[in-house]
Amino acid sequence: MAREDAIEVDGTVVEALRHALYRVELANGHRVLAHWKGRARRNPVELALGAKVRLEMTPFDLSKGGIIWNENDV
């Protein structure tokens, strides 16, 4: 899938799961399963509960997403 088809949304980490997976709550109240994506996957950081993140989601499956940015990135 082309990257320009992706949907970018902001959310908050509400639960840390095993294997670098996180449950993220979006602004509209939906909860999605998220994982690190791209360069951040090589050097992942542990996200604290309540951390603000930006997700990239495909329009075909809105229940999963990839974390492309977090509030601690500089």
C-alpha atoms as a PDB file:
ATOM      1  CA  MET A   1       0.000   0.000   0.000  1.00  0.00           C
ATOM      2  CA  ALA A   2       1.271   3.454  -0.824  1.00  0.00           C
ATOM      3  CA  ARG A   3       2.206   5.656   2.104  1.00  0.00           C
ATOM      4  CA  GLU A   4       0.030   8.520   0.842  1.00  0.00           C
ATOM      5  CA  ASP A   5      -3.047   6.310   1.403  1.00  0.00           C
ATOM      6  CA  ALA A   6      -2.275   6.041   5.116  1.00  0.00           C
ATOM      7  CA  ILE A   7      -4.303   7.849   7.758  1.00  0.00           C
ATOM      8  CA  GLU A   8      -2.397   9.719  10.491  1.00  0.00           C
ATOM      9  CA  VAL A   9      -4.120  10.145  13.860  1.00  0.00           C
ATOM     10  CA  ASP A  10      -3.061  11.184  17.356  1.00  0.00           C
ATOM     11  CA  GLY A  11      -3.706   9.098  20.434  1.00  0.00           C
ATOM     12  CA  THR A  12      -2.748   8.292  24.004  1.00  0.00           C
ATOM     13  CA  VAL A  13      -1.160   5.059  25.267  1.00  0.00           C
ATOM     14  CA  VAL A  14      -3.538   3.387  27.728  1.00  0.00           C
ATOM     15  CA  GLU A  15      -1.972  -0.086  28.043  1.00  0.00           C
ATOM     16  CA  ALA A  16       1.443  -1.638  27.402  1.00  0.00           C
ATOM     17  CA  LEU A  17       1.275  -5.219  26.135  1.00  0.00           C
ATOM     18  CA  ARG A  18       3.925  -7.866  25.457  1.00  0.00           C
ATOM     19  CA  HIS A  19       6.251  -7.851  22.439  1.00  0.00           C
ATOM     20  CA  ALA A  20       6.343  -4.047  22.046  1.00  0.00           C
ATOM     21  CA  LEU A  21       2.596  -3.742  21.443  1.00  0.00           C
ATOM     22  CA  TYR A  22       0.502  -0.951  22.898  1.00  0.00           C
ATOM     23  CA  ARG A  23      -3.193  -0.223  23.244  1.00  0.00           C
ATOM     24  CA  VAL A  24      -3.796   3.366  22.129  1.00  0.00           C
ATOM     25  CA  GLU A  25      -6.965   5.398  22.630  1.00  0.00           C
ATOM     26  CA  LEU A  26      -7.778   7.848  19.853  1.00  0.00           C
ATOM     27  CA  ALA A  27      -9.438  11.230  20.331  1.00  0.00           C
ATOM     28  CA  ASN A  28     -12.799   9.799  19.238  1.00  0.00           C
ATOM     29  CA  GLY A  29     -12.679   7.109  21.964  1.00  0.00           C
ATOM     30  CA  HIS A  30     -11.740   4.133  19.789  1.00  0.00           C
ATOM     31  CA  ARG A  31      -8.945   1.859  21.016  1.00  0.00           C
ATOM     32  CA  VAL A  32      -6.483   0.333  18.573  1.00  0.00           C
ATOM     33  CA  LEU A  33      -3.522  -2.037  18.797  1.00  0.00           C
ATOM     34  CA  ALA A  34      -0.252  -0.301  17.888  1.00  0.00           C
ATOM     35  CA  HIS A  35       3.380  -1.261  17.301  1.00  0.00           C
ATOM     36  CA  TRP A  36       6.576   0.644  16.424  1.00  0.00           C
ATOM     37  CA  LYS A  37       7.024   1.370  12.737  1.00  0.00           C
ATOM     38  CA  GLY A  38       9.928   2.497  10.535  1.00  0.00           C
ATOM     39  CA  ARG A  39      13.197   3.756  12.015  1.00  0.00           C
ATOM     40  CA  ALA A  40      11.744   3.776  15.512  1.00  0.00           C
ATOM     41  CA  ARG A  41      11.465  -0.017  15.332  1.00  0.00           C
ATOM     42  CA  ARG A  42      15.261  -0.351  15.338  1.00  0.00           C
ATOM     43  CA  ASN A  43      15.631   1.621  18.581  1.00  0.00           C
ATOM     44  CA  PRO A  44      12.283   1.377  20.361  1.00  0.00           C
ATOM     45  CA  VAL A  45      11.744   3.144  23.667  1.00  0.00           C
ATOM     46  CA  GLU A  46       9.365   1.990  26.346  1.00  0.00           C
ATOM     47  CA  LEU A  47       6.295   4.216  26.307  1.00  0.00           C
ATOM     48  CA  ALA A  48       4.720   5.235  29.594  1.00  0.00           C
ATOM     49  CA  LEU A  49       0.989   5.148  30.128  1.00  0.00           C
ATOM     50  CA  GLY A  50      -0.500   8.454  29.048  1.00  0.00           C
ATOM     51  CA  ALA A  51       2.190   9.153  26.428  1.00  0.00           C
ATOM     52  CA  LYS A  52       0.986  11.055  23.358  1.00  0.00           C
ATOM     53  CA  VAL A  53       1.723   9.270  20.063  1.00  0.00           C
ATOM     54  CA  ARG A  54       0.977   9.666  16.359  1.00  0.00           C
ATOM     55  CA  LEU A  55      -0.239   6.572  14.513  1.00  0.00           C
ATOM     56  CA  GLU A  56      -0.258   5.674  10.855  1.00  0.00           C
ATOM     57  CA  MET A  57      -3.207   3.458   9.940  1.00  0.00           C
ATOM     58  CA  THR A  58      -4.373   1.791   6.759  1.00  0.00           C
ATOM     59  CA  PRO A  59      -7.941   2.517   5.620  1.00  0.00           C
ATOM     60  CA  PHE A  60      -8.476  -1.239   5.206  1.00  0.00           C
ATOM     61  CA  ASP A  61      -7.986  -2.151   8.897  1.00  0.00           C
ATOM     62  CA  LEU A  62      -8.790   0.595  11.391  1.00  0.00           C
ATOM     63  CA  SER A  63      -8.180  -1.642  14.426  1.00  0.00           C
ATOM     64  CA  LYS A  64      -4.358  -1.613  14.088  1.00  0.00           C
ATOM     65  CA  GLY A  65      -1.716   1.043  13.577  1.00  0.00           C
ATOM     66  CA  GLY A  66       1.973   1.812  13.587  1.00  0.00           C
ATOM     67  CA  ILE A  67       3.541   4.343  15.956  1.00  0.00           C
ATOM     68  CA  ILE A  68       5.547   6.845  13.887  1.00  0.00           C
ATOM     69  CA  TRP A  69       6.079   9.569  16.532  1.00  0.00           C
ATOM     70  CA  ASN A  70       5.844  10.035  20.287  1.00  0.00           C
ATOM     71  CA  GLU A  71       5.960  13.134  22.478  1.00  0.00           C
ATOM     72  CA  ASN A  72       9.500  12.319  23.678  1.00  0.00           C
ATOM     73  CA  ASP A  73      11.009  12.479  20.158  1.00  0.00           C
ATOM     74  CA  VAL A  74      13.184  15.498  19.586  1.00  0.00           C
END
